[in-house]
Amino acid sequence: MGSTPSPGPHRVTFFHASGCHLCESASRVLAQVRAETPFELEEIDITGDPELESRYRERIPVVLVDGVEAFTYFLHPDGLRRRLV
């Protein structure tokens, strides 16, 4: 029996906007968890993009893990850790 290859690091996408205090808090949580558990991080500032503003403005910060929406408004460190296992 062979072992299954590791799928590699998870991909986290972080939608945020400048001046958003919840986004600043989520950014700190992402940095904290990323220092413990490596993952790919894509940060997307929605400011000035009409499509992204329409889709995310009322719910930012929005965090996707491997393309699946996982968190809105608040990013809980333990919740993120569980999704990255």
PDB file of N, CA and C in Angstrom:
ATOM      1  N   MET A   1       0.837  -1.185   0.000  1.00  0.00           N
ATOM      2  CA  MET A   1       0.000   0.000   0.000  1.00  0.00           C
ATOM      3  C   MET A   1       0.876   1.240   0.000  1.00  0.00           C
ATOM      4  N   GLY A   2       0.634   2.138  -0.922  1.00  0.00           N
ATOM      5  CA  GLY A   2       1.380   3.387  -0.970  1.00  0.00           C
ATOM      6  C   GLY A   2       0.681   4.469  -0.178  1.00  0.00           C
ATOM      7  N   SER A   3       1.426   5.464   0.187  1.00  0.00           N
ATOM      8  CA  SER A   3       0.813   6.577   0.907  1.00  0.00           C
ATOM      9  C   SER A   3       0.275   7.598  -0.094  1.00  0.00           C
ATOM     10  N   THR A   4      -0.767   8.282   0.306  1.00  0.00           N
ATOM     11  CA  THR A   4      -1.370   9.311  -0.529  1.00  0.00           C
ATOM     12  C   THR A   4      -0.528  10.569  -0.429  1.00  0.00           C
ATOM     13  N   PRO A   5      -0.162  11.176  -1.558  1.00  0.00           N
ATOM     14  CA  PRO A   5       0.641  12.396  -1.481  1.00  0.00           C
ATOM     15  C   PRO A   5      -0.127  13.532  -0.820  1.00  0.00           C
ATOM     16  N   SER A   6       0.603  14.347  -0.126  1.00  0.00           N
ATOM     17  CA  SER A   6       0.009  15.512   0.527  1.00  0.00           C
ATOM     18  C   SER A   6      -0.510  16.485  -0.528  1.00  0.00           C
ATOM     19  N   PRO A   7      -1.715  17.023  -0.341  1.00  0.00           N
ATOM     20  CA  PRO A   7      -2.283  17.921  -1.341  1.00  0.00           C
ATOM     21  C   PRO A   7      -1.618  19.298  -1.384  1.00  0.00           C
ATOM     22  N   GLY A   8      -0.695  19.556  -0.484  1.00  0.00           N
ATOM     23  CA  GLY A   8      -0.055  20.869  -0.449  1.00  0.00           C
ATOM     24  C   GLY A   8      -0.815  21.809   0.463  1.00  0.00           C
ATOM     25  N   PRO A   9      -0.314  23.037   0.554  1.00  0.00           N
ATOM     26  CA  PRO A   9      -0.944  23.975   1.479  1.00  0.00           C
ATOM     27  C   PRO A   9      -2.338  24.395   0.998  1.00  0.00           C
ATOM     28  N   HIS A  10      -3.163  24.694   1.961  1.00  0.00           N
ATOM     29  CA  HIS A  10      -4.493  25.218   1.655  1.00  0.00           C
ATOM     30  C   HIS A  10      -4.350  26.630   1.078  1.00  0.00           C
ATOM     31  N   ARG A  11      -5.366  27.052   0.344  1.00  0.00           N
ATOM     32  CA  ARG A  11      -5.386  28.398  -0.217  1.00  0.00           C
ATOM     33  C   ARG A  11      -6.478  29.196   0.500  1.00  0.00           C
ATOM     34  N   VAL A  12      -6.082  30.312   1.086  1.00  0.00           N
ATOM     35  CA  VAL A  12      -7.009  31.198   1.791  1.00  0.00           C
ATOM     36  C   VAL A  12      -7.105  32.500   1.003  1.00  0.00           C
ATOM     37  N   THR A  13      -8.334  32.922   0.744  1.00  0.00           N
ATOM     38  CA  THR A  13      -8.586  34.185   0.047  1.00  0.00           C
ATOM     39  C   THR A  13      -9.280  35.119   1.024  1.00  0.00           C
ATOM     40  N   PHE A  14      -8.753  36.330   1.124  1.00  0.00           N
ATOM     41  CA  PHE A  14      -9.204  37.313   2.121  1.00  0.00           C
ATOM     42  C   PHE A  14      -9.683  38.567   1.396  1.00  0.00           C
ATOM     43  N   PHE A  15     -10.997  38.792   1.402  1.00  0.00           N
ATOM     44  CA  PHE A  15     -11.578  39.995   0.816  1.00  0.00           C
ATOM     45  C   PHE A  15     -11.711  41.048   1.908  1.00  0.00           C
ATOM     46  N   HIS A  16     -11.163  42.240   1.654  1.00  0.00           N
ATOM     47  CA  HIS A  16     -11.145  43.296   2.661  1.00  0.00           C
ATOM     48  C   HIS A  16     -11.239  44.655   1.987  1.00  0.00           C
ATOM     49  N   ALA A  17     -11.314  45.694   2.807  1.00  0.00           N
ATOM     50  CA  ALA A  17     -11.318  47.069   2.309  1.00  0.00           C
ATOM     51  C   ALA A  17     -10.600  47.954   3.319  1.00  0.00           C
ATOM     52  N   SER A  18     -10.019  49.031   2.823  1.00  0.00           N
ATOM     53  CA  SER A  18      -9.330  49.949   3.723  1.00  0.00           C
ATOM     54  C   SER A  18     -10.341  50.629   4.636  1.00  0.00           C
ATOM     55  N   GLY A  19      -9.912  50.903   5.852  1.00  0.00           N
ATOM     56  CA  GLY A  19     -10.780  51.566   6.826  1.00  0.00           C
ATOM     57  C   GLY A  19     -11.750  50.636   7.522  1.00  0.00           C
ATOM     58  N   CYS A  20     -11.631  49.351   7.290  1.00  0.00           N
ATOM     59  CA  CYS A  20     -12.535  48.357   7.897  1.00  0.00           C
ATOM     60  C   CYS A  20     -11.849  47.763   9.124  1.00  0.00           C
ATOM     61  N   HIS A  21     -12.346  48.109  10.318  1.00  0.00           N
ATOM     62  CA  HIS A  21     -11.685  47.622  11.532  1.00  0.00           C
ATOM     63  C   HIS A  21     -11.818  46.111  11.701  1.00  0.00           C
ATOM     64  N   LEU A  22     -12.919  45.521  11.231  1.00  0.00           N
ATOM     65  CA  LEU A  22     -13.044  44.066  11.296  1.00  0.00           C
ATOM     66  C   LEU A  22     -12.033  43.394  10.370  1.00  0.00           C
ATOM     67  N   CYS A  23     -11.743  44.053   9.252  1.00  0.00           N
ATOM     68  CA  CYS A  23     -10.743  43.527   8.313  1.00  0.00           C
ATOM     69  C   CYS A  23      -9.349  43.554   8.937  1.00  0.00           C
ATOM     70  N   GLU A  24      -9.058  44.612   9.661  1.00  0.00           N
ATOM     71  CA  GLU A  24      -7.762  44.722  10.330  1.00  0.00           C
ATOM     72  C   GLU A  24      -7.597  43.606  11.357  1.00  0.00           C
ATOM     73  N   SER A  25      -8.664  43.328  12.086  1.00  0.00           N
ATOM     74  CA  SER A  25      -8.636  42.251  13.069  1.00  0.00           C
ATOM     75  C   SER A  25      -8.444  40.898  12.377  1.00  0.00           C
ATOM     76  N   ALA A  26      -9.161  40.675  11.275  1.00  0.00           N
ATOM     77  CA  ALA A  26      -9.042  39.419  10.534  1.00  0.00           C
ATOM     78  C   ALA A  26      -7.633  39.256   9.978  1.00  0.00           C
ATOM     79  N   SER A  27      -7.030  40.335   9.536  1.00  0.00           N
ATOM     80  CA  SER A  27      -5.670  40.290   9.006  1.00  0.00           C
ATOM     81  C   SER A  27      -4.683  39.830  10.085  1.00  0.00           C
ATOM     82  N   ARG A  28      -4.879  40.307  11.293  1.00  0.00           N
ATOM     83  CA  ARG A  28      -4.013  39.881  12.407  1.00  0.00           C
ATOM     84  C   ARG A  28      -4.185  38.391  12.700  1.00  0.00           C
ATOM     85  N   VAL A  29      -5.439  37.923  12.668  1.00  0.00           N
ATOM     86  CA  VAL A  29      -5.702  36.502  12.903  1.00  0.00           C
ATOM     87  C   VAL A  29      -5.051  35.659  11.810  1.00  0.00           C
ATOM     88  N   LEU A  30      -5.174  36.091  10.552  1.00  0.00           N
ATOM     89  CA  LEU A  30      -4.552  35.353   9.449  1.00  0.00           C
ATOM     90  C   LEU A  30      -3.039  35.247   9.654  1.00  0.00           C
ATOM     91  N   ALA A  31      -2.402  36.346  10.033  1.00  0.00           N
ATOM     92  CA  ALA A  31      -0.956  36.336  10.257  1.00  0.00           C
ATOM     93  C   ALA A  31      -0.581  35.404  11.405  1.00  0.00           C
ATOM     94  N   GLN A  32      -1.361  35.449  12.474  1.00  0.00           N
ATOM     95  CA  GLN A  32      -1.094  34.603  13.641  1.00  0.00           C
ATOM     96  C   GLN A  32      -1.201  33.127  13.271  1.00  0.00           C
ATOM     97  N   VAL A  33      -2.287  32.744  12.625  1.00  0.00           N
ATOM     98  CA  VAL A  33      -2.498  31.335  12.287  1.00  0.00           C
ATOM     99  C   VAL A  33      -1.502  30.886  11.218  1.00  0.00           C
ATOM    100  N   ARG A  34      -1.193  31.764  10.274  1.00  0.00           N
ATOM    101  CA  ARG A  34      -0.251  31.416   9.206  1.00  0.00           C
ATOM    102  C   ARG A  34       1.156  31.165   9.755  1.00  0.00           C
ATOM    103  N   ALA A  35       1.510  31.828  10.851  1.00  0.00           N
ATOM    104  CA  ALA A  35       2.817  31.599  11.480  1.00  0.00           C
ATOM    105  C   ALA A  35       2.899  30.186  12.069  1.00  0.00           C
ATOM    106  N   GLU A  36       1.753  29.627  12.429  1.00  0.00           N
ATOM    107  CA  GLU A  36       1.698  28.281  13.010  1.00  0.00           C
ATOM    108  C   GLU A  36       1.475  27.200  11.953  1.00  0.00           C
ATOM    109  N   THR A  37       0.616  27.515  10.982  1.00  0.00           N
ATOM    110  CA  THR A  37       0.190  26.562   9.960  1.00  0.00           C
ATOM    111  C   THR A  37       0.299  27.227   8.600  1.00  0.00           C
ATOM    112  N   PRO A  38       1.289  26.877   7.813  1.00  0.00           N
ATOM    113  CA  PRO A  38       1.466  27.541   6.520  1.00  0.00           C
ATOM    114  C   PRO A  38       0.276  27.327   5.581  1.00  0.00           C
ATOM    115  N   PHE A  39      -0.087  28.377   4.866  1.00  0.00           N
ATOM    116  CA  PHE A  39      -1.098  28.295   3.818  1.00  0.00           C
ATOM    117  C   PHE A  39      -0.840  29.410   2.826  1.00  0.00           C
ATOM    118  N   GLU A  40      -1.337  29.208   1.611  1.00  0.00           N
ATOM    119  CA  GLU A  40      -1.241  30.242   0.589  1.00  0.00           C
ATOM    120  C   GLU A  40      -2.288  31.301   0.905  1.00  0.00           C
ATOM    121  N   LEU A  41      -1.913  32.562   0.788  1.00  0.00           N
ATOM    122  CA  LEU A  41      -2.833  33.652   1.108  1.00  0.00           C
ATOM    123  C   LEU A  41      -2.925  34.612  -0.068  1.00  0.00           C
ATOM    124  N   GLU A  42      -4.159  34.859  -0.484  1.00  0.00           N
ATOM    125  CA  GLU A  42      -4.433  35.872  -1.495  1.00  0.00           C
ATOM    126  C   GLU A  42      -5.294  36.936  -0.834  1.00  0.00           C
ATOM    127  N   GLU A  43      -4.805  38.162  -0.814  1.00  0.00           N
ATOM    128  CA  GLU A  43      -5.540  39.277  -0.224  1.00  0.00           C
ATOM    129  C   GLU A  43      -6.109  40.132  -1.340  1.00  0.00           C
ATOM    130  N   ILE A  44      -7.415  40.390  -1.284  1.00  0.00           N
ATOM    131  CA  ILE A  44      -8.084  41.156  -2.333  1.00  0.00           C
ATOM    132  C   ILE A  44      -8.794  42.344  -1.704  1.00  0.00           C
ATOM    133  N   ASP A  45      -8.347  43.541  -2.067  1.00  0.00           N
ATOM    134  CA  ASP A  45      -8.983  44.782  -1.617  1.00  0.00           C
ATOM    135  C   ASP A  45     -10.126  45.066  -2.573  1.00  0.00           C
ATOM    136  N   ILE A  46     -11.337  45.094  -2.057  1.00  0.00           N
ATOM    137  CA  ILE A  46     -12.518  45.283  -2.908  1.00  0.00           C
ATOM    138  C   ILE A  46     -12.769  46.751  -3.255  1.00  0.00           C
ATOM    139  N   THR A  47     -12.060  47.659  -2.611  1.00  0.00           N
ATOM    140  CA  THR A  47     -12.281  49.091  -2.782  1.00  0.00           C
ATOM    141  C   THR A  47     -12.171  49.490  -4.247  1.00  0.00           C
ATOM    142  N   GLY A  48     -13.224  50.127  -4.750  1.00  0.00           N
ATOM    143  CA  GLY A  48     -13.212  50.658  -6.108  1.00  0.00           C
ATOM    144  C   GLY A  48     -13.557  49.659  -7.192  1.00  0.00           C
ATOM    145  N   ASP A  49     -13.788  48.406  -6.849  1.00  0.00           N
ATOM    146  CA  ASP A  49     -14.187  47.407  -7.837  1.00  0.00           C
ATOM    147  C   ASP A  49     -15.689  47.193  -7.694  1.00  0.00           C
ATOM    148  N   PRO A  50     -16.491  47.716  -8.621  1.00  0.00           N
ATOM    149  CA  PRO A  50     -17.955  47.662  -8.469  1.00  0.00           C
ATOM    150  C   PRO A  50     -18.503  46.246  -8.259  1.00  0.00           C
ATOM    151  N   GLU A  51     -17.961  45.283  -8.974  1.00  0.00           N
ATOM    152  CA  GLU A  51     -18.454  43.912  -8.826  1.00  0.00           C
ATOM    153  C   GLU A  51     -18.156  43.359  -7.435  1.00  0.00           C
ATOM    154  N   LEU A  52     -16.911  43.539  -6.985  1.00  0.00           N
ATOM    155  CA  LEU A  52     -16.535  43.046  -5.654  1.00  0.00           C
ATOM    156  C   LEU A  52     -17.229  43.830  -4.553  1.00  0.00           C
ATOM    157  N   GLU A  53     -17.367  45.137  -4.737  1.00  0.00           N
ATOM    158  CA  GLU A  53     -18.086  45.965  -3.752  1.00  0.00           C
ATOM    159  C   GLU A  53     -19.515  45.448  -3.587  1.00  0.00           C
ATOM    160  N   SER A  54     -20.174  45.196  -4.706  1.00  0.00           N
ATOM    161  CA  SER A  54     -21.552  44.727  -4.679  1.00  0.00           C
ATOM    162  C   SER A  54     -21.664  43.364  -3.997  1.00  0.00           C
ATOM    163  N   ARG A  55     -20.702  42.522  -4.265  1.00  0.00           N
ATOM    164  CA  ARG A  55     -20.749  41.153  -3.751  1.00  0.00           C
ATOM    165  C   ARG A  55     -20.371  41.041  -2.276  1.00  0.00           C
ATOM    166  N   TYR A  56     -19.386  41.851  -1.827  1.00  0.00           N
ATOM    167  CA  TYR A  56     -18.818  41.640  -0.494  1.00  0.00           C
ATOM    168  C   TYR A  56     -18.946  42.796   0.495  1.00  0.00           C
ATOM    169  N   ARG A  57     -19.197  44.015   0.062  1.00  0.00           N
ATOM    170  CA  ARG A  57     -19.110  45.198   0.934  1.00  0.00           C
ATOM    171  C   ARG A  57     -19.860  45.047   2.250  1.00  0.00           C
ATOM    172  N   GLU A  58     -21.061  44.547   2.209  1.00  0.00           N
ATOM    173  CA  GLU A  58     -21.874  44.461   3.431  1.00  0.00           C
ATOM    174  C   GLU A  58     -21.466  43.314   4.346  1.00  0.00           C
ATOM    175  N   ARG A  59     -20.516  42.480   3.906  1.00  0.00           N
ATOM    176  CA  ARG A  59     -20.164  41.287   4.689  1.00  0.00           C
ATOM    177  C   ARG A  59     -18.685  41.190   5.019  1.00  0.00           C
ATOM    178  N   ILE A  60     -17.877  42.179   4.616  1.00  0.00           N
ATOM    179  CA  ILE A  60     -16.435  42.062   4.847  1.00  0.00           C
ATOM    180  C   ILE A  60     -16.097  42.135   6.333  1.00  0.00           C
ATOM    181  N   PRO A  61     -15.023  41.489   6.704  1.00  0.00           N
ATOM    182  CA  PRO A  61     -14.153  40.671   5.885  1.00  0.00           C
ATOM    183  C   PRO A  61     -14.809  39.344   5.517  1.00  0.00           C
ATOM    184  N   VAL A  62     -14.471  38.857   4.341  1.00  0.00           N
ATOM    185  CA  VAL A  62     -14.925  37.543   3.885  1.00  0.00           C
ATOM    186  C   VAL A  62     -13.671  36.711   3.627  1.00  0.00           C
ATOM    187  N   VAL A  63     -13.663  35.492   4.174  1.00  0.00           N
ATOM    188  CA  VAL A  63     -12.517  34.606   4.034  1.00  0.00           C
ATOM    189  C   VAL A  63     -12.987  33.287   3.420  1.00  0.00           C
ATOM    190  N   LEU A  64     -12.323  32.907   2.336  1.00  0.00           N
ATOM    191  CA  LEU A  64     -12.572  31.625   1.686  1.00  0.00           C
ATOM    192  C   LEU A  64     -11.402  30.708   1.987  1.00  0.00           C
ATOM    193  N   VAL A  65     -11.704  29.424   2.201  1.00  0.00           N
ATOM    194  CA  VAL A  65     -10.663  28.414   2.361  1.00  0.00           C
ATOM    195  C   VAL A  65     -10.857  27.412   1.228  1.00  0.00           C
ATOM    196  N   ASP A  66      -9.843  27.314   0.395  1.00  0.00           N
ATOM    197  CA  ASP A  66      -9.890  26.442  -0.779  1.00  0.00           C
ATOM    198  C   ASP A  66     -11.122  26.717  -1.639  1.00  0.00           C
ATOM    199  N   GLY A  67     -11.434  28.008  -1.798  1.00  0.00           N
ATOM    200  CA  GLY A  67     -12.516  28.427  -2.677  1.00  0.00           C
ATOM    201  C   GLY A  67     -13.901  28.377  -2.078  1.00  0.00           C
ATOM    202  N   VAL A  68     -14.016  27.958  -0.833  1.00  0.00           N
ATOM    203  CA  VAL A  68     -15.316  27.848  -0.167  1.00  0.00           C
ATOM    204  C   VAL A  68     -15.413  28.934   0.901  1.00  0.00           C
ATOM    205  N   GLU A  69     -16.506  29.717   0.855  1.00  0.00           N
ATOM    206  CA  GLU A  69     -16.683  30.769   1.850  1.00  0.00           C
ATOM    207  C   GLU A  69     -16.751  30.149   3.237  1.00  0.00           C
ATOM    208  N   ALA A  70     -15.859  30.594   4.112  1.00  0.00           N
ATOM    209  CA  ALA A  70     -15.741  30.002   5.437  1.00  0.00           C
ATOM    210  C   ALA A  70     -16.091  30.974   6.560  1.00  0.00           C
ATOM    211  N   PHE A  71     -15.795  32.271   6.366  1.00  0.00           N
ATOM    212  CA  PHE A  71     -16.014  33.249   7.432  1.00  0.00           C
ATOM    213  C   PHE A  71     -16.475  34.570   6.839  1.00  0.00           C
ATOM    214  N   THR A  72     -17.386  35.229   7.545  1.00  0.00           N
ATOM    215  CA  THR A  72     -17.768  36.602   7.240  1.00  0.00           C
ATOM    216  C   THR A  72     -17.811  37.369   8.550  1.00  0.00           C
ATOM    217  N   TYR A  73     -17.551  38.651   8.488  1.00  0.00           N
ATOM    218  CA  TYR A  73     -17.538  39.556   9.643  1.00  0.00           C
ATOM    219  C   TYR A  73     -16.413  39.276  10.632  1.00  0.00           C
ATOM    220  N   PHE A  74     -16.358  38.058  11.171  1.00  0.00           N
ATOM    221  CA  PHE A  74     -15.372  37.723  12.189  1.00  0.00           C
ATOM    222  C   PHE A  74     -14.612  36.473  11.773  1.00  0.00           C
ATOM    223  N   LEU A  75     -13.315  36.503  11.962  1.00  0.00           N
ATOM    224  CA  LEU A  75     -12.473  35.341  11.685  1.00  0.00           C
ATOM    225  C   LEU A  75     -11.989  34.797  13.014  1.00  0.00           C
ATOM    226  N   HIS A  76     -12.437  33.605  13.349  1.00  0.00           N
ATOM    227  CA  HIS A  76     -12.071  32.985  14.616  1.00  0.00           C
ATOM    228  C   HIS A  76     -10.830  32.118  14.406  1.00  0.00           C
ATOM    229  N   PRO A  77      -9.762  32.349  15.167  1.00  0.00           N
ATOM    230  CA  PRO A  77      -8.521  31.594  14.976  1.00  0.00           C
ATOM    231  C   PRO A  77      -8.716  30.082  15.053  1.00  0.00           C
ATOM    232  N   ASP A  78      -9.456  29.603  16.045  1.00  0.00           N
ATOM    233  CA  ASP A  78      -9.649  28.157  16.180  1.00  0.00           C
ATOM    234  C   ASP A  78     -10.453  27.593  15.020  1.00  0.00           C
ATOM    235  N   GLY A  79     -11.430  28.345  14.546  1.00  0.00           N
ATOM    236  CA  GLY A  79     -12.204  27.911  13.390  1.00  0.00           C
ATOM    237  C   GLY A  79     -11.354  27.795  12.143  1.00  0.00           C
ATOM    238  N   LEU A  80     -10.458  28.754  11.955  1.00  0.00           N
ATOM    239  CA  LEU A  80      -9.551  28.708  10.809  1.00  0.00           C
ATOM    240  C   LEU A  80      -8.598  27.525  10.936  1.00  0.00           C
ATOM    241  N   ARG A  81      -8.055  27.322  12.124  1.00  0.00           N
ATOM    242  CA  ARG A  81      -7.144  26.194  12.336  1.00  0.00           C
ATOM    243  C   ARG A  81      -7.834  24.866  11.984  1.00  0.00           C
ATOM    244  N   ARG A  82      -9.102  24.710  12.410  1.00  0.00           N
ATOM    245  CA  ARG A  82      -9.830  23.474  12.119  1.00  0.00           C
ATOM    246  C   ARG A  82     -10.002  23.275  10.608  1.00  0.00           C
ATOM    247  N   ARG A  83     -10.233  24.349   9.894  1.00  0.00           N
ATOM    248  CA  ARG A  83     -10.425  24.238   8.436  1.00  0.00           C
ATOM    249  C   ARG A  83      -9.124  23.921   7.710  1.00  0.00           C
ATOM    250  N   LEU A  84      -8.005  24.175   8.346  1.00  0.00           N
ATOM    251  CA  LEU A  84      -6.705  23.972   7.698  1.00  0.00           C
ATOM    252  C   LEU A  84      -6.081  22.618   8.027  1.00  0.00           C
ATOM    253  N   VAL A  85      -6.746  21.830   8.839  1.00  0.00           N
ATOM    254  CA  VAL A  85      -6.201  20.521   9.231  1.00  0.00           C
ATOM    255  C   VAL A  85      -6.298  19.553   8.066  1.00  0.00           C
TER     256      VAL A  85
END
